[in-house]
Amino acid sequence: MKAADPSLPDLSRSELRRYGRHLSLSEVGEEGQRRLKAGRVLVVGAGGLGSPLALYLAAAGVGTIGIVDFDAVEESNLQRQIAHGTAAVGHSKLGSITARIKDLNPYVNVVPHEAYLHRSNALEIVRDYDVIVDGTDNFATRYLVNDACVLEKKPNVYGSILRFEGQASVFDARVGPCYRCLFPEPPPPGVVPSCAEAGVLGVLPGVIGSIQATETIKLLLGAGDTLVGRLLLYDALEMRFREMRLRKDPRCPICGEHPTIHELQDYDALCGVQSHAAEGIEMTVRELADRLASRSSWRSPGSRRPCTYRCAPCPRAPPSCRATACSCSPARRACAACARWKSCARWGSRG
């Protein structure tokens, strides 16, 4: 029998009772549970994906969970962000999810990072953790998380959701592809709608977030076959999972044979959106909702005039994808509704 690792933290009697169903699993056992207790995981985002994955990681006994978020709970969040309750509306998401985790498992050390993740602080924050879990909902932060993970040699557990569909993977440039191997550049602004614009099924983040939590636990345990080199696609309407094999791109600008990215960039500029710190239009949430509904008197910073060209359907899009138009130039058309915009037949040589 393999000798126990003396560097791992011990489990108290209460913890042994709490994690009894894990201890019964030969793939986990007491040694594996101690590995989970020693594990340090950073969850980026305390929203739709961050809620279920953080709660399951805490329930599983991951010893230290860092959470990055700077937003407040809104009533519209409650349809899918299960870590927050009605009483938390108007309060910090970070405070809300921290209280929920501590109630769920008081043995977990929650490290709050109430800050906007930016190129100025990302490396310092990421450096202190074993696994990074991407629960973000925008391309700027997604590319930031990927690049920080590559530079700091950390695994990046990826997930994304939109409408009735979700994706999940594990990007680890040390042993497989990174996010930029799949998507070297972000789509033009407005091509892929946000969840606020396109909507999202409330239970969808629970499915994808649980997959992310599962992959994170496997990474900490060193058990099973992770999603490194695979992209898992989920269609809730068809209740179907599909899988795409991913390869490391030798031309990847950050993890390829001749990388050109050696430090973090200005990701707001890269994705064509206004910097979070920039001065902008100030309005209440209600005013924003009314103007977005009318679409007559205000346009978001960095938005483009919708073009009149029709996009070629994405050849690998599911039947539920109803892409019809784009917000880009005729020379760079892309799928307007499908998150797999890179697969559009007219996107270019990588399509």
Foldseek 3Di string as FASTA:
>chain_A
DDDADPVFDADDPVRCVLQVVQLPDPLQHRSNLSLQLVAAEEEEDQAQLNQQLVQVSLSSNRAEYEYEEQDFDAPVRVLARVLADPVRHPHGSQVSNVVSSCVNHVNHHYHYDNDDDDLVCPLVVVLVGQAYEYPDFDDLVVVQNQLSCLLNQHKYWDKYFAAQKIKTAIAGLVVFATPCLLVVADDAPQQEDTCVVRNYNRCVSNVRSVLSSVLVSCVSSVDDDGRGQKMWMAGRVVRDIDIDGHGHDLPRQRRHPDHPDNGDDGSCVRRQADDPPDDDDDDDPVVVVVCVVVVPPDDHHRAADWDPDFFADQPPDDPVQDFGGGRDDPQADFGRHDPSGQSGPRRDPSD
